[in-house]
N, C-alpha and C. Protein backbone atom coordinates (compact mmCIF):
# COMPACT_ATOMS: atom_id res chain seq x y z
N MET A 1 253.91 212.08 193.08
CA MET A 1 254.10 211.28 191.87
C MET A 1 254.19 212.21 190.66
N SER A 2 254.99 211.83 189.72
CA SER A 2 255.23 212.63 188.52
C SER A 2 254.03 212.57 187.58
N GLU A 3 253.80 213.66 186.86
CA GLU A 3 252.73 213.66 185.86
C GLU A 3 253.12 212.75 184.70
N THR A 4 252.11 212.29 183.95
CA THR A 4 252.35 211.43 182.79
C THR A 4 252.71 212.29 181.58
N LYS A 5 253.65 211.79 180.80
CA LYS A 5 254.13 212.50 179.62
C LYS A 5 254.19 211.51 178.46
N SER A 6 253.78 211.95 177.27
CA SER A 6 253.85 211.12 176.07
C SER A 6 254.48 211.94 174.96
N ILE A 7 255.52 211.38 174.34
CA ILE A 7 256.24 212.08 173.29
C ILE A 7 256.54 211.15 172.12
N ARG A 8 256.76 211.77 170.96
CA ARG A 8 257.25 211.07 169.78
C ARG A 8 258.68 211.54 169.58
N VAL A 9 259.59 210.60 169.35
CA VAL A 9 260.99 210.95 169.12
C VAL A 9 261.43 210.43 167.76
N VAL A 10 262.28 211.20 167.10
CA VAL A 10 262.96 210.76 165.89
C VAL A 10 264.44 210.97 166.15
N ILE A 11 265.19 209.88 166.10
CA ILE A 11 266.60 209.90 166.44
C ILE A 11 267.39 209.71 165.15
N ARG A 12 268.28 210.65 164.87
CA ARG A 12 269.04 210.63 163.61
C ARG A 12 270.52 210.40 163.88
N GLY A 13 271.19 209.84 162.87
CA GLY A 13 272.61 209.54 162.96
C GLY A 13 272.84 208.09 162.58
N ARG A 14 273.91 207.50 163.11
CA ARG A 14 274.14 206.07 162.87
C ARG A 14 273.41 205.32 163.97
N VAL A 15 272.13 205.04 163.70
CA VAL A 15 271.27 204.44 164.72
C VAL A 15 270.59 203.15 164.24
N GLN A 16 270.86 202.74 163.01
CA GLN A 16 270.35 201.46 162.53
C GLN A 16 271.52 200.50 162.35
N GLY A 17 271.26 199.22 162.65
CA GLY A 17 272.31 198.22 162.55
C GLY A 17 273.28 198.24 163.72
N VAL A 18 272.91 198.93 164.80
CA VAL A 18 273.78 199.04 165.98
C VAL A 18 273.02 198.66 167.26
N PHE A 19 271.92 197.92 167.11
CA PHE A 19 271.09 197.46 168.23
C PHE A 19 270.43 198.60 169.00
N TYR A 20 270.20 199.72 168.31
CA TYR A 20 269.60 200.88 168.97
C TYR A 20 268.19 200.59 169.47
N ARG A 21 267.38 199.92 168.65
CA ARG A 21 266.00 199.64 169.07
C ARG A 21 265.95 198.73 170.29
N LYS A 22 266.72 197.65 170.26
CA LYS A 22 266.73 196.70 171.38
C LYS A 22 267.26 197.39 172.65
N TRP A 23 268.30 198.21 172.49
CA TRP A 23 268.86 198.96 173.61
C TRP A 23 267.80 199.90 174.20
N THR A 24 267.06 200.60 173.33
CA THR A 24 266.02 201.52 173.78
C THR A 24 264.93 200.77 174.53
N GLN A 25 264.56 199.60 174.03
CA GLN A 25 263.55 198.79 174.71
C GLN A 25 264.01 198.44 176.13
N GLY A 26 265.24 198.02 176.27
CA GLY A 26 265.76 197.68 177.59
C GLY A 26 265.78 198.86 178.54
N ARG A 27 266.23 200.01 178.03
CA ARG A 27 266.27 201.22 178.86
C ARG A 27 264.85 201.66 179.24
N ALA A 28 263.91 201.58 178.29
CA ALA A 28 262.53 201.97 178.57
C ALA A 28 261.93 201.09 179.67
N ARG A 29 262.17 199.79 179.58
CA ARG A 29 261.65 198.88 180.61
C ARG A 29 262.24 199.20 181.97
N GLN A 30 263.52 199.53 182.02
CA GLN A 30 264.15 199.89 183.30
C GLN A 30 263.53 201.15 183.90
N HIS A 31 263.11 202.06 183.05
CA HIS A 31 262.52 203.31 183.52
C HIS A 31 261.00 203.21 183.73
N GLY A 32 260.40 202.09 183.34
CA GLY A 32 258.95 201.95 183.46
C GLY A 32 258.18 202.76 182.44
N VAL A 33 258.79 202.94 181.25
CA VAL A 33 258.18 203.71 180.17
C VAL A 33 257.54 202.76 179.17
N ALA A 34 256.31 203.04 178.76
CA ALA A 34 255.60 202.26 177.75
C ALA A 34 255.81 202.89 176.38
N GLY A 35 255.54 202.10 175.33
CA GLY A 35 255.61 202.65 173.98
C GLY A 35 256.19 201.67 172.99
N TRP A 36 256.82 202.23 171.98
CA TRP A 36 257.39 201.41 170.91
C TRP A 36 258.52 202.17 170.23
N VAL A 37 259.31 201.42 169.44
CA VAL A 37 260.40 202.00 168.67
C VAL A 37 260.54 201.20 167.38
N ARG A 38 260.90 201.89 166.28
CA ARG A 38 261.03 201.22 164.99
C ARG A 38 262.05 201.96 164.12
N ASN A 39 262.58 201.23 163.13
CA ASN A 39 263.44 201.85 162.12
C ASN A 39 262.57 202.55 161.09
N ARG A 40 263.08 203.66 160.56
CA ARG A 40 262.42 204.36 159.47
C ARG A 40 263.22 204.15 158.20
N GLU A 41 262.55 204.31 157.07
CA GLU A 41 263.22 204.13 155.78
C GLU A 41 264.31 205.15 155.53
N ASP A 42 264.23 206.32 156.17
CA ASP A 42 265.24 207.36 155.96
C ASP A 42 266.50 207.16 156.81
N GLY A 43 266.59 206.04 157.53
CA GLY A 43 267.77 205.74 158.33
C GLY A 43 267.66 206.17 159.78
N ALA A 44 266.59 206.86 160.13
CA ALA A 44 266.37 207.29 161.52
C ALA A 44 265.65 206.19 162.30
N VAL A 45 265.58 206.36 163.60
CA VAL A 45 264.78 205.52 164.48
C VAL A 45 263.70 206.41 165.06
N GLU A 46 262.47 205.89 165.09
CA GLU A 46 261.32 206.64 165.59
C GLU A 46 260.68 205.87 166.73
N GLY A 47 260.15 206.58 167.70
CA GLY A 47 259.46 205.91 168.80
C GLY A 47 258.47 206.81 169.49
N VAL A 48 257.64 206.18 170.30
CA VAL A 48 256.72 206.89 171.18
C VAL A 48 256.99 206.40 172.59
N PHE A 49 257.21 207.34 173.51
CA PHE A 49 257.49 207.04 174.90
C PHE A 49 256.37 207.63 175.75
N SER A 50 255.85 206.85 176.69
CA SER A 50 254.76 207.32 177.54
C SER A 50 254.96 206.80 178.96
N GLY A 51 254.87 207.70 179.92
CA GLY A 51 255.04 207.30 181.31
C GLY A 51 255.25 208.51 182.20
N PRO A 52 255.73 208.28 183.42
CA PRO A 52 256.01 209.40 184.31
C PRO A 52 256.98 210.38 183.64
N ALA A 53 256.71 211.67 183.76
CA ALA A 53 257.51 212.68 183.06
C ALA A 53 259.00 212.55 183.35
N ASP A 54 259.36 212.31 184.61
CA ASP A 54 260.78 212.20 184.93
C ASP A 54 261.43 210.99 184.28
N ALA A 55 260.69 209.88 184.17
CA ALA A 55 261.21 208.67 183.52
C ALA A 55 261.36 208.88 182.02
N VAL A 56 260.37 209.52 181.39
CA VAL A 56 260.44 209.81 179.95
C VAL A 56 261.62 210.74 179.67
N ASP A 57 261.78 211.77 180.48
CA ASP A 57 262.90 212.69 180.29
C ASP A 57 264.24 211.99 180.45
N ALA A 58 264.35 211.08 181.42
CA ALA A 58 265.59 210.33 181.62
C ALA A 58 265.89 209.44 180.42
N LEU A 59 264.85 208.81 179.87
CA LEU A 59 265.04 207.95 178.70
C LEU A 59 265.51 208.77 177.50
N VAL A 60 264.91 209.92 177.27
CA VAL A 60 265.34 210.78 176.17
C VAL A 60 266.80 211.20 176.36
N ALA A 61 267.18 211.54 177.57
CA ALA A 61 268.57 211.92 177.83
C ALA A 61 269.52 210.78 177.49
N GLU A 62 269.16 209.55 177.84
CA GLU A 62 270.00 208.41 177.52
C GLU A 62 270.03 208.15 176.01
N CYS A 63 268.90 208.38 175.34
CA CYS A 63 268.84 208.17 173.89
C CYS A 63 269.74 209.15 173.13
N ARG A 64 270.07 210.27 173.72
CA ARG A 64 270.98 211.22 173.07
C ARG A 64 272.38 210.62 172.92
N GLN A 65 272.72 209.67 173.77
CA GLN A 65 274.00 208.96 173.69
C GLN A 65 273.83 207.64 172.93
N GLY A 66 272.84 206.83 173.32
CA GLY A 66 272.58 205.56 172.67
C GLY A 66 273.56 204.48 173.07
N PRO A 67 273.44 203.31 172.44
CA PRO A 67 274.36 202.21 172.72
C PRO A 67 275.76 202.52 172.19
N PRO A 68 276.76 201.73 172.60
CA PRO A 68 278.16 202.05 172.25
C PRO A 68 278.44 202.26 170.76
N ALA A 69 277.83 201.47 169.87
CA ALA A 69 278.15 201.58 168.44
C ALA A 69 277.38 202.70 167.74
N ALA A 70 276.41 203.29 168.40
CA ALA A 70 275.60 204.35 167.79
C ALA A 70 276.35 205.69 167.79
N ARG A 71 275.98 206.52 166.83
CA ARG A 71 276.47 207.91 166.78
C ARG A 71 275.25 208.79 166.55
N VAL A 72 274.68 209.28 167.62
CA VAL A 72 273.47 210.10 167.54
C VAL A 72 273.85 211.51 167.12
N GLU A 73 273.20 211.99 166.05
CA GLU A 73 273.45 213.35 165.56
C GLU A 73 272.37 214.32 166.02
N GLY A 74 271.20 213.80 166.36
CA GLY A 74 270.14 214.68 166.83
C GLY A 74 268.88 213.91 167.17
N ILE A 75 268.07 214.52 168.02
CA ILE A 75 266.78 213.94 168.40
C ILE A 75 265.72 215.03 168.30
N ASP A 76 264.65 214.74 167.56
CA ASP A 76 263.49 215.62 167.49
C ASP A 76 262.43 215.06 168.44
N VAL A 77 261.89 215.89 169.30
CA VAL A 77 260.88 215.48 170.28
C VAL A 77 259.63 216.33 170.08
N THR A 78 258.48 215.65 169.93
CA THR A 78 257.20 216.33 169.81
C THR A 78 256.18 215.63 170.71
N ALA A 79 255.12 216.32 171.06
CA ALA A 79 254.06 215.73 171.88
C ALA A 79 253.37 214.61 171.12
N ALA A 80 252.86 213.62 171.85
CA ALA A 80 252.16 212.49 171.23
C ALA A 80 250.97 212.09 172.09
N GLU A 81 250.07 211.34 171.50
CA GLU A 81 248.96 210.77 172.25
C GLU A 81 249.51 209.71 173.20
N PRO A 82 248.93 209.58 174.38
CA PRO A 82 249.40 208.57 175.33
C PRO A 82 249.29 207.16 174.77
N VAL A 83 250.23 206.32 175.15
CA VAL A 83 250.21 204.91 174.77
C VAL A 83 249.28 204.20 175.75
N LEU A 84 248.31 203.47 175.23
CA LEU A 84 247.34 202.81 176.09
C LEU A 84 247.80 201.43 176.54
N GLU A 85 248.66 200.78 175.76
CA GLU A 85 249.14 199.45 176.09
C GLU A 85 250.25 199.54 177.14
N GLN A 86 250.40 198.46 177.88
CA GLN A 86 251.51 198.34 178.82
C GLN A 86 252.72 197.79 178.07
N GLY A 87 253.91 198.04 178.57
CA GLY A 87 255.12 197.47 177.99
C GLY A 87 255.71 198.33 176.89
N PHE A 88 256.82 197.84 176.36
CA PHE A 88 257.55 198.58 175.33
C PHE A 88 257.95 197.60 174.24
N ALA A 89 257.61 197.90 172.99
CA ALA A 89 257.81 196.97 171.88
C ALA A 89 258.79 197.51 170.85
N VAL A 90 259.54 196.59 170.25
CA VAL A 90 260.33 196.88 169.06
C VAL A 90 259.44 196.50 167.89
N VAL A 91 259.13 197.46 167.02
CA VAL A 91 258.26 197.23 165.88
C VAL A 91 259.12 197.03 164.64
N ASP A 92 258.82 195.97 163.90
CA ASP A 92 259.58 195.71 162.66
C ASP A 92 258.91 196.35 161.47
């Protein structure tokens, strides 16, 4: 079994108003990753992903592309405290 990994991501580019958060939630649930995602005031999307390392890595790889209308310019990834709750939420 894969080790658990928890990261904070900041996704920059055209990522607001293109269903990026909802898309991320769906992809996270498919991978069995817990956490949350939200819009930031600076136009980026921020989230915390926690789960099996291979699943978290796969989700980050997919987030580099994003949904069809998104144009991802970059993703910053840093270590984060593990998410204690189950599931994945879109935070308003």
